[in-house]
C-alpha cells in the first residue's frame, strides 16, 4: 500500500511542488502489505515504522488522523506508543 510509504509519498509531493498538496498521516495506518481484513486482526504482513513515517510526513502535513482502536485494560494502545506519536507532533 503505497499510501503508507512515507518516503514514497513525500517524494511525490516534492516532485509536484504545489503549495496546496499535503499529507494527512494516520497514526495507525502504516500497512505496506496486508491481506484483506488484516488491518483489523493484527495479521498484517509488513508495516512501515509509524514513528519514522509520521516524522517524515509531518513537514508536509496539514492535519493528522490520531485514531486508535486496540487498547489494553490500562488504556495503553497495543499497536504503537500513542504518547510517542503525540510528542512527535510537538517537534
PDB file of N, CA and C in Angstrom:
ATOM      1  N   UNK A   1       0.846  -1.159   0.000  1.00  0.00           N
ATOM      2  CA  UNK A   1       0.000   0.000   0.000  1.00  0.00           C
ATOM      3  C   UNK A   1       0.895   1.226   0.000  1.00  0.00           C
ATOM      4  N   UNK A   2       1.001   1.819  -1.148  1.00  0.00           N
ATOM      5  CA  UNK A   2       1.928   2.923  -1.336  1.00  0.00           C
ATOM      6  C   UNK A   2       1.599   4.144  -0.475  1.00  0.00           C
ATOM      7  N   UNK A   3       0.353   4.299  -0.100  1.00  0.00           N
ATOM      8  CA  UNK A   3      -0.017   5.453   0.714  1.00  0.00           C
ATOM      9  C   UNK A   3       0.574   5.396   2.113  1.00  0.00           C
ATOM     10  N   UNK A   4       1.087   4.247   2.530  1.00  0.00           N
ATOM     11  CA  UNK A   4       1.715   4.096   3.842  1.00  0.00           C
ATOM     12  C   UNK A   4       3.233   4.192   3.785  1.00  0.00           C
ATOM     13  N   UNK A   5       3.785   4.394   2.616  1.00  0.00           N
ATOM     14  CA  UNK A   5       5.228   4.522   2.452  1.00  0.00           C
ATOM     15  C   UNK A   5       5.582   6.012   2.472  1.00  0.00           C
ATOM     16  N   UNK A   6       6.022   6.513   3.624  1.00  0.00           N
ATOM     17  CA  UNK A   6       6.263   7.941   3.806  1.00  0.00           C
ATOM     18  C   UNK A   6       7.308   8.487   2.841  1.00  0.00           C
ATOM     19  N   UNK A   7       8.354   7.744   2.577  1.00  0.00           N
ATOM     20  CA  UNK A   7       9.387   8.196   1.641  1.00  0.00           C
ATOM     21  C   UNK A   7       8.791   8.376   0.244  1.00  0.00           C
ATOM     22  N   UNK A   8       8.004   7.414  -0.177  1.00  0.00           N
ATOM     23  CA  UNK A   8       7.374   7.463  -1.499  1.00  0.00           C
ATOM     24  C   UNK A   8       6.431   8.666  -1.612  1.00  0.00           C
ATOM     25  N   UNK A   9       5.561   8.833  -0.628  1.00  0.00           N
ATOM     26  CA  UNK A   9       4.574   9.917  -0.658  1.00  0.00           C
ATOM     27  C   UNK A   9       5.258  11.283  -0.657  1.00  0.00           C
ATOM     28  N   UNK A  10       6.246  11.463   0.211  1.00  0.00           N
ATOM     29  CA  UNK A  10       6.900  12.771   0.260  1.00  0.00           C
ATOM     30  C   UNK A  10       7.732  13.035  -0.994  1.00  0.00           C
ATOM     31  N   UNK A  11       8.244  11.991  -1.632  1.00  0.00           N
ATOM     32  CA  UNK A  11       8.983  12.207  -2.885  1.00  0.00           C
ATOM     33  C   UNK A  11       8.047  12.735  -3.972  1.00  0.00           C
ATOM     34  N   UNK A  12       6.817  12.253  -3.993  1.00  0.00           N
ATOM     35  CA  UNK A  12       5.825  12.749  -4.955  1.00  0.00           C
ATOM     36  C   UNK A  12       5.486  14.208  -4.664  1.00  0.00           C
ATOM     37  N   UNK A  13       5.274  14.526  -3.401  1.00  0.00           N
ATOM     38  CA  UNK A  13       4.935  15.895  -3.023  1.00  0.00           C
ATOM     39  C   UNK A  13       6.064  16.855  -3.402  1.00  0.00           C
ATOM     40  N   UNK A  14       7.302  16.448  -3.154  1.00  0.00           N
ATOM     41  CA  UNK A  14       8.449  17.286  -3.515  1.00  0.00           C
ATOM     42  C   UNK A  14       8.531  17.477  -5.030  1.00  0.00           C
ATOM     43  N   UNK A  15       8.288  16.417  -5.784  1.00  0.00           N
ATOM     44  CA  UNK A  15       8.377  16.493  -7.240  1.00  0.00           C
ATOM     45  C   UNK A  15       7.279  17.370  -7.836  1.00  0.00           C
ATOM     46  N   UNK A  16       6.069  17.238  -7.340  1.00  0.00           N
ATOM     47  CA  UNK A  16       4.949  18.029  -7.860  1.00  0.00           C
ATOM     48  C   UNK A  16       5.079  19.487  -7.437  1.00  0.00           C
ATOM     49  N   UNK A  17       5.512  19.711  -6.192  1.00  0.00           N
ATOM     50  CA  UNK A  17       5.845  21.034  -5.693  1.00  0.00           C
ATOM     51  C   UNK A  17       4.708  22.056  -5.849  1.00  0.00           C
ATOM     52  N   UNK A  18       3.542  21.701  -5.349  1.00  0.00           N
ATOM     53  CA  UNK A  18       2.406  22.619  -5.322  1.00  0.00           C
ATOM     54  C   UNK A  18       2.091  22.991  -3.876  1.00  0.00           C
ATOM     55  N   UNK A  19       1.795  24.245  -3.596  1.00  0.00           N
ATOM     56  CA  UNK A  19       1.551  24.659  -2.208  1.00  0.00           C
ATOM     57  C   UNK A  19       0.296  24.043  -1.581  1.00  0.00           C
ATOM     58  N   UNK A  20      -0.637  23.591  -2.387  1.00  0.00           N
ATOM     59  CA  UNK A  20      -1.872  23.023  -1.846  1.00  0.00           C
ATOM     60  C   UNK A  20      -1.852  21.490  -1.762  1.00  0.00           C
ATOM     61  N   UNK A  21      -0.710  20.879  -2.025  1.00  0.00           N
ATOM     62  CA  UNK A  21      -0.579  19.419  -1.919  1.00  0.00           C
ATOM     63  C   UNK A  21       0.057  19.090  -0.578  1.00  0.00           C
ATOM     64  N   UNK A  22      -0.608  18.258   0.202  1.00  0.00           N
ATOM     65  CA  UNK A  22      -0.117  17.971   1.551  1.00  0.00           C
ATOM     66  C   UNK A  22      -0.386  16.516   1.924  1.00  0.00           C
ATOM     67  N   UNK A  23       0.101  16.145   3.108  1.00  0.00           N
ATOM     68  CA  UNK A  23      -0.144  14.808   3.635  1.00  0.00           C
ATOM     69  C   UNK A  23      -1.146  14.898   4.783  1.00  0.00           C
ATOM     70  N   UNK A  24      -1.693  13.756   5.140  1.00  0.00           N
ATOM     71  CA  UNK A  24      -2.557  13.635   6.309  1.00  0.00           C
ATOM     72  C   UNK A  24      -2.228  12.298   6.964  1.00  0.00           C
ATOM     73  N   UNK A  25      -1.094  12.242   7.682  1.00  0.00           N
ATOM     74  CA  UNK A  25      -0.672  10.974   8.269  1.00  0.00           C
ATOM     75  C   UNK A  25      -1.706  10.415   9.248  1.00  0.00           C
ATOM     76  N   UNK A  26      -1.809   9.116   9.267  1.00  0.00           N
ATOM     77  CA  UNK A  26      -2.746   8.397  10.120  1.00  0.00           C
ATOM     78  C   UNK A  26      -1.926   7.596  11.128  1.00  0.00           C
ATOM     79  N   UNK A  27      -2.090   7.871  12.419  1.00  0.00           N
ATOM     80  CA  UNK A  27      -1.302   7.205  13.459  1.00  0.00           C
ATOM     81  C   UNK A  27      -1.275   5.690  13.290  1.00  0.00           C
ATOM     82  N   UNK A  28      -2.385   5.095  12.947  1.00  0.00           N
ATOM     83  CA  UNK A  28      -2.476   3.642  12.944  1.00  0.00           C
ATOM     84  C   UNK A  28      -2.576   2.992  11.582  1.00  0.00           C
ATOM     85  N   UNK A  29      -2.187   3.670  10.519  1.00  0.00           N
ATOM     86  CA  UNK A  29      -2.334   3.087   9.192  1.00  0.00           C
ATOM     87  C   UNK A  29      -1.006   3.141   8.441  1.00  0.00           C
ATOM     88  N   UNK A  30      -0.121   2.197   8.749  1.00  0.00           N
ATOM     89  CA  UNK A  30       1.197   2.125   8.127  1.00  0.00           C
ATOM     90  C   UNK A  30       1.420   0.762   7.490  1.00  0.00           C
ATOM     91  N   UNK A  31       0.366   0.157   6.984  1.00  0.00           N
ATOM     92  CA  UNK A  31       0.430  -1.182   6.407  1.00  0.00           C
ATOM     93  C   UNK A  31       0.965  -1.137   4.988  1.00  0.00           C
ATOM     94  N   UNK A  32       2.091  -1.783   4.757  1.00  0.00           N
ATOM     95  CA  UNK A  32       2.688  -1.830   3.427  1.00  0.00           C
ATOM     96  C   UNK A  32       2.191  -3.024   2.626  1.00  0.00           C
ATOM     97  N   UNK A  33       2.016  -4.155   3.300  1.00  0.00           N
ATOM     98  CA  UNK A  33       1.471  -5.356   2.661  1.00  0.00           C
ATOM     99  C   UNK A  33       0.515  -6.017   3.632  1.00  0.00           C
ATOM    100  N   UNK A  34      -0.699  -6.227   3.187  1.00  0.00           N
ATOM    101  CA  UNK A  34      -1.704  -6.807   4.068  1.00  0.00           C
ATOM    102  C   UNK A  34      -2.725  -7.584   3.256  1.00  0.00           C
ATOM    103  N   UNK A  35      -3.180  -8.662   3.828  1.00  0.00           N
ATOM    104  CA  UNK A  35      -4.304  -9.389   3.247  1.00  0.00           C
ATOM    105  C   UNK A  35      -5.577  -8.645   3.624  1.00  0.00           C
ATOM    106  N   UNK A  36      -6.618  -8.809   2.845  1.00  0.00           N
ATOM    107  CA  UNK A  36      -7.883  -8.145   3.118  1.00  0.00           C
ATOM    108  C   UNK A  36      -8.345  -8.429   4.548  1.00  0.00           C
ATOM    109  N   UNK A  37      -8.626  -7.371   5.300  1.00  0.00           N
ATOM    110  CA  UNK A  37      -9.116  -7.504   6.667  1.00  0.00           C
ATOM    111  C   UNK A  37      -8.030  -7.601   7.717  1.00  0.00           C
ATOM    112  N   UNK A  38      -6.774  -7.752   7.308  1.00  0.00           N
ATOM    113  CA  UNK A  38      -5.717  -7.973   8.292  1.00  0.00           C
ATOM    114  C   UNK A  38      -5.374  -6.717   9.084  1.00  0.00           C
ATOM    115  N   UNK A  39      -5.809  -5.554   8.629  1.00  0.00           N
ATOM    116  CA  UNK A  39      -5.526  -4.342   9.390  1.00  0.00           C
ATOM    117  C   UNK A  39      -6.352  -4.292  10.675  1.00  0.00           C
ATOM    118  N   UNK A  40      -7.358  -5.117  10.779  1.00  0.00           N
ATOM    119  CA  UNK A  40      -8.188  -5.136  11.982  1.00  0.00           C
ATOM    120  C   UNK A  40      -7.875  -6.314  12.903  1.00  0.00           C
ATOM    121  N   UNK A  41      -7.211  -7.345  12.393  1.00  0.00           N
ATOM    122  CA  UNK A  41      -6.971  -8.518  13.241  1.00  0.00           C
ATOM    123  C   UNK A  41      -5.491  -8.748  13.557  1.00  0.00           C
ATOM    124  N   UNK A  42      -4.664  -7.732  13.367  1.00  0.00           N
ATOM    125  CA  UNK A  42      -3.250  -7.761  13.718  1.00  0.00           C
ATOM    126  C   UNK A  42      -2.427  -8.779  12.938  1.00  0.00           C
ATOM    127  N   UNK A  43      -2.862  -9.197  11.764  1.00  0.00           N
ATOM    128  CA  UNK A  43      -2.099 -10.173  10.983  1.00  0.00           C
ATOM    129  C   UNK A  43      -1.464  -9.538   9.751  1.00  0.00           C
ATOM    130  N   UNK A  44      -1.238  -8.242   9.792  1.00  0.00           N
ATOM    131  CA  UNK A  44      -0.632  -7.539   8.664  1.00  0.00           C
ATOM    132  C   UNK A  44       0.744  -8.123   8.362  1.00  0.00           C
ATOM    133  N   UNK A  45       1.087  -8.211   7.086  1.00  0.00           N
ATOM    134  CA  UNK A  45       2.329  -8.846   6.656  1.00  0.00           C
ATOM    135  C   UNK A  45       3.543  -7.939   6.854  1.00  0.00           C
ATOM    136  N   UNK A  46       3.431  -6.661   6.516  1.00  0.00           N
ATOM    137  CA  UNK A  46       4.569  -5.740   6.608  1.00  0.00           C
ATOM    138  C   UNK A  46       4.069  -4.343   6.966  1.00  0.00           C
ATOM    139  N   UNK A  47       4.708  -3.715   7.973  1.00  0.00           N
ATOM    140  CA  UNK A  47       4.285  -2.408   8.459  1.00  0.00           C
ATOM    141  C   UNK A  47       5.452  -1.426   8.369  1.00  0.00           C
ATOM    142  N   UNK A  48       5.175  -0.213   7.876  1.00  0.00           N
ATOM    143  CA  UNK A  48       6.157   0.874   7.855  1.00  0.00           C
ATOM    144  C   UNK A  48       6.316   1.362   9.288  1.00  0.00           C
ATOM    145  N   UNK A  49       7.512   1.735   9.690  1.00  0.00           N
ATOM    146  CA  UNK A  49       7.739   2.242  11.040  1.00  0.00           C
ATOM    147  C   UNK A  49       6.854   3.475  11.266  1.00  0.00           C
ATOM    148  N   UNK A  50       5.874   3.405  12.165  1.00  0.00           N
ATOM    149  CA  UNK A  50       4.918   4.504  12.320  1.00  0.00           C
ATOM    150  C   UNK A  50       5.551   5.799  12.818  1.00  0.00           C
ATOM    151  N   UNK A  51       6.570   5.701  13.648  1.00  0.00           N
ATOM    152  CA  UNK A  51       7.217   6.896  14.190  1.00  0.00           C
ATOM    153  C   UNK A  51       8.039   7.600  13.097  1.00  0.00           C
ATOM    154  N   UNK A  52       8.766   6.827  12.342  1.00  0.00           N
ATOM    155  CA  UNK A  52       9.541   7.361  11.227  1.00  0.00           C
ATOM    156  C   UNK A  52       8.607   7.932  10.161  1.00  0.00           C
ATOM    157  N   UNK A  53       7.545   7.204   9.846  1.00  0.00           N
ATOM    158  CA  UNK A  53       6.587   7.662   8.844  1.00  0.00           C
ATOM    159  C   UNK A  53       5.957   8.991   9.217  1.00  0.00           C
ATOM    160  N   UNK A  54       5.539   9.110  10.461  1.00  0.00           N
ATOM    161  CA  UNK A  54       4.936  10.363  10.918  1.00  0.00           C
ATOM    162  C   UNK A  54       5.959  11.492  10.856  1.00  0.00           C
ATOM    163  N   UNK A  55       7.166  11.224  11.302  1.00  0.00           N
ATOM    164  CA  UNK A  55       8.222  12.241  11.288  1.00  0.00           C
ATOM    165  C   UNK A  55       8.526  12.728   9.868  1.00  0.00           C
ATOM    166  N   UNK A  56       8.546  11.816   8.915  1.00  0.00           N
ATOM    167  CA  UNK A  56       8.822  12.173   7.521  1.00  0.00           C
ATOM    168  C   UNK A  56       7.676  12.956   6.899  1.00  0.00           C
ATOM    169  N   UNK A  57       6.441  12.590   7.224  1.00  0.00           N
ATOM    170  CA  UNK A  57       5.284  13.239   6.609  1.00  0.00           C
ATOM    171  C   UNK A  57       4.883  14.559   7.268  1.00  0.00           C
ATOM    172  N   UNK A  58       5.251  14.764   8.515  1.00  0.00           N
ATOM    173  CA  UNK A  58       4.793  15.956   9.239  1.00  0.00           C
ATOM    174  C   UNK A  58       5.150  17.285   8.572  1.00  0.00           C
ATOM    175  N   UNK A  59       6.328  17.449   8.001  1.00  0.00           N
ATOM    176  CA  UNK A  59       6.616  18.735   7.367  1.00  0.00           C
ATOM    177  C   UNK A  59       5.655  19.082   6.218  1.00  0.00           C
ATOM    178  N   UNK A  60       4.968  18.090   5.701  1.00  0.00           N
ATOM    179  CA  UNK A  60       4.049  18.293   4.576  1.00  0.00           C
ATOM    180  C   UNK A  60       2.588  18.125   5.002  1.00  0.00           C
ATOM    181  N   UNK A  61       2.354  17.988   6.292  1.00  0.00           N
ATOM    182  CA  UNK A  61       1.007  17.689   6.796  1.00  0.00           C
ATOM    183  C   UNK A  61       0.234  18.958   7.139  1.00  0.00           C
ATOM    184  N   UNK A  62      -1.051  18.907   6.853  1.00  0.00           N
ATOM    185  CA  UNK A  62      -1.958  19.977   7.283  1.00  0.00           C
ATOM    186  C   UNK A  62      -2.888  19.453   8.368  1.00  0.00           C
ATOM    187  N   UNK A  63      -2.772  18.191   8.664  1.00  0.00           N
ATOM    188  CA  UNK A  63      -3.569  17.564   9.706  1.00  0.00           C
ATOM    189  C   UNK A  63      -3.091  16.141   9.893  1.00  0.00           C
ATOM    190  N   UNK A  64      -3.558  15.500  10.943  1.00  0.00           N
ATOM    191  CA  UNK A  64      -3.253  14.091  11.190  1.00  0.00           C
ATOM    192  C   UNK A  64      -4.529  13.379  11.616  1.00  0.00           C
ATOM    193  N   UNK A  65      -4.535  12.083  11.431  1.00  0.00           N
ATOM    194  CA  UNK A  65      -5.618  11.256  11.933  1.00  0.00           C
ATOM    195  C   UNK A  65      -5.048  10.486  13.117  1.00  0.00           C
ATOM    196  N   UNK A  66      -5.478  10.848  14.308  1.00  0.00           N
ATOM    197  CA  UNK A  66      -4.895  10.288  15.526  1.00  0.00           C
ATOM    198  C   UNK A  66      -5.772   9.214  16.155  1.00  0.00           C
ATOM    199  N   UNK A  67      -6.512   8.496  15.324  1.00  0.00           N
ATOM    200  CA  UNK A  67      -7.397   7.468  15.877  1.00  0.00           C
ATOM    201  C   UNK A  67      -6.602   6.212  16.234  1.00  0.00           C
ATOM    202  N   UNK A  68      -7.136   5.442  17.147  1.00  0.00           N
ATOM    203  CA  UNK A  68      -6.541   4.168  17.543  1.00  0.00           C
ATOM    204  C   UNK A  68      -7.671   3.276  18.050  1.00  0.00           C
ATOM    205  N   UNK A  69      -7.490   1.970  17.918  1.00  0.00           N
ATOM    206  CA  UNK A  69      -8.565   1.035  18.253  1.00  0.00           C
ATOM    207  C   UNK A  69      -8.183  -0.025  19.275  1.00  0.00           C
ATOM    208  N   UNK A  70      -6.933  -0.389  19.339  1.00  0.00           N
ATOM    209  CA  UNK A  70      -6.516  -1.577  20.066  1.00  0.00           C
ATOM    210  C   UNK A  70      -5.862  -1.219  21.400  1.00  0.00           C
ATOM    211  N   UNK A  71      -6.685  -1.046  22.437  1.00  0.00           N
ATOM    212  CA  UNK A  71      -6.183  -0.672  23.756  1.00  0.00           C
ATOM    213  C   UNK A  71      -6.299  -1.841  24.729  1.00  0.00           C
ATOM    214  N   UNK A  72      -5.359  -1.909  25.678  1.00  0.00           N
ATOM    215  CA  UNK A  72      -5.459  -2.935  26.724  1.00  0.00           C
ATOM    216  C   UNK A  72      -6.318  -2.401  27.870  1.00  0.00           C
ATOM    217  N   UNK A  73      -6.419  -3.164  28.942  1.00  0.00           N
ATOM    218  CA  UNK A  73      -7.283  -2.784  30.062  1.00  0.00           C
ATOM    219  C   UNK A  73      -6.800  -1.519  30.771  1.00  0.00           C
ATOM    220  N   UNK A  74      -5.524  -1.185  30.622  1.00  0.00           N
ATOM    221  CA  UNK A  74      -4.976   0.017  31.251  1.00  0.00           C
ATOM    222  C   UNK A  74      -5.038   1.238  30.344  1.00  0.00           C
ATOM    223  N   UNK A  75      -5.648   1.094  29.176  1.00  0.00           N
ATOM    224  CA  UNK A  75      -5.780   2.200  28.251  1.00  0.00           C
ATOM    225  C   UNK A  75      -4.557   2.457  27.394  1.00  0.00           C
ATOM    226  N   UNK A  76      -3.645   1.495  27.330  1.00  0.00           N
ATOM    227  CA  UNK A  76      -2.426   1.624  26.540  1.00  0.00           C
ATOM    228  C   UNK A  76      -2.666   1.002  25.167  1.00  0.00           C
ATOM    229  N   UNK A  77      -2.338   1.750  24.135  1.00  0.00           N
ATOM    230  CA  UNK A  77      -2.506   1.243  22.771  1.00  0.00           C
ATOM    231  C   UNK A  77      -1.545   0.088  22.530  1.00  0.00           C
ATOM    232  N   UNK A  78      -2.020  -0.989  21.975  1.00  0.00           N
ATOM    233  CA  UNK A  78      -1.203  -2.180  21.717  1.00  0.00           C
ATOM    234  C   UNK A  78      -0.434  -2.105  20.403  1.00  0.00           C
ATOM    235  N   UNK A  79      -0.858  -1.246  19.488  1.00  0.00           N
ATOM    236  CA  UNK A  79      -0.255  -1.199  18.157  1.00  0.00           C
ATOM    237  C   UNK A  79       0.928  -0.240  18.051  1.00  0.00           C
ATOM    238  N   UNK A  80       0.925   0.820  18.817  1.00  0.00           N
ATOM    239  CA  UNK A  80       2.010   1.804  18.799  1.00  0.00           C
ATOM    240  C   UNK A  80       1.924   2.629  20.073  1.00  0.00           C
ATOM    241  N   UNK A  81       3.002   3.344  20.387  1.00  0.00           N
ATOM    242  CA  UNK A  81       3.035   4.192  21.573  1.00  0.00           C
ATOM    243  C   UNK A  81       2.344   5.515  21.244  1.00  0.00           C
ATOM    244  N   UNK A  82       1.104   5.637  21.684  1.00  0.00           N
ATOM    245  CA  UNK A  82       0.288   6.809  21.352  1.00  0.00           C
ATOM    246  C   UNK A  82       0.949   8.093  21.828  1.00  0.00           C
ATOM    247  N   UNK A  83       1.447   8.087  23.055  1.00  0.00           N
ATOM    248  CA  UNK A  83       2.090   9.285  23.600  1.00  0.00           C
ATOM    249  C   UNK A  83       3.312   9.680  22.766  1.00  0.00           C
ATOM    250  N   UNK A  84       4.078   8.700  22.328  1.00  0.00           N
ATOM    251  CA  UNK A  84       5.256   8.971  21.493  1.00  0.00           C
ATOM    252  C   UNK A  84       4.852   9.655  20.179  1.00  0.00           C
ATOM    253  N   UNK A  85       3.746   9.183  19.598  1.00  0.00           N
ATOM    254  CA  UNK A  85       3.256   9.794  18.364  1.00  0.00           C
ATOM    255  C   UNK A  85       2.836  11.247  18.626  1.00  0.00           C
ATOM    256  N   UNK A  86       2.144  11.495  19.719  1.00  0.00           N
ATOM    257  CA  UNK A  86       1.722  12.860  20.051  1.00  0.00           C
ATOM    258  C   UNK A  86       2.929  13.769  20.274  1.00  0.00           C
ATOM    259  N   UNK A  87       3.969  13.246  20.896  1.00  0.00           N
ATOM    260  CA  UNK A  87       5.166  14.048  21.137  1.00  0.00           C
ATOM    261  C   UNK A  87       5.841  14.442  19.830  1.00  0.00           C
ATOM    262  N   UNK A  88       5.754  13.596  18.807  1.00  0.00           N
ATOM    263  CA  UNK A  88       6.312  13.940  17.500  1.00  0.00           C
ATOM    264  C   UNK A  88       5.608  15.165  16.907  1.00  0.00           C
ATOM    265  N   UNK A  89       4.338  15.316  17.221  1.00  0.00           N
ATOM    266  CA  UNK A  89       3.577  16.465  16.708  1.00  0.00           C
ATOM    267  C   UNK A  89       4.077  17.786  17.294  1.00  0.00           C
ATOM    268  N   UNK A  90       4.672  17.719  18.459  1.00  0.00           N
ATOM    269  CA  UNK A  90       5.140  18.932  19.128  1.00  0.00           C
ATOM    270  C   UNK A  90       6.473  19.430  18.598  1.00  0.00           C
ATOM    271  N   UNK A  91       7.194  18.600  17.882  1.00  0.00           N
ATOM    272  CA  UNK A  91       8.530  18.962  17.379  1.00  0.00           C
ATOM    273  C   UNK A  91       8.425  20.032  16.322  1.00  0.00           C
TER     274      UNK A  91
END
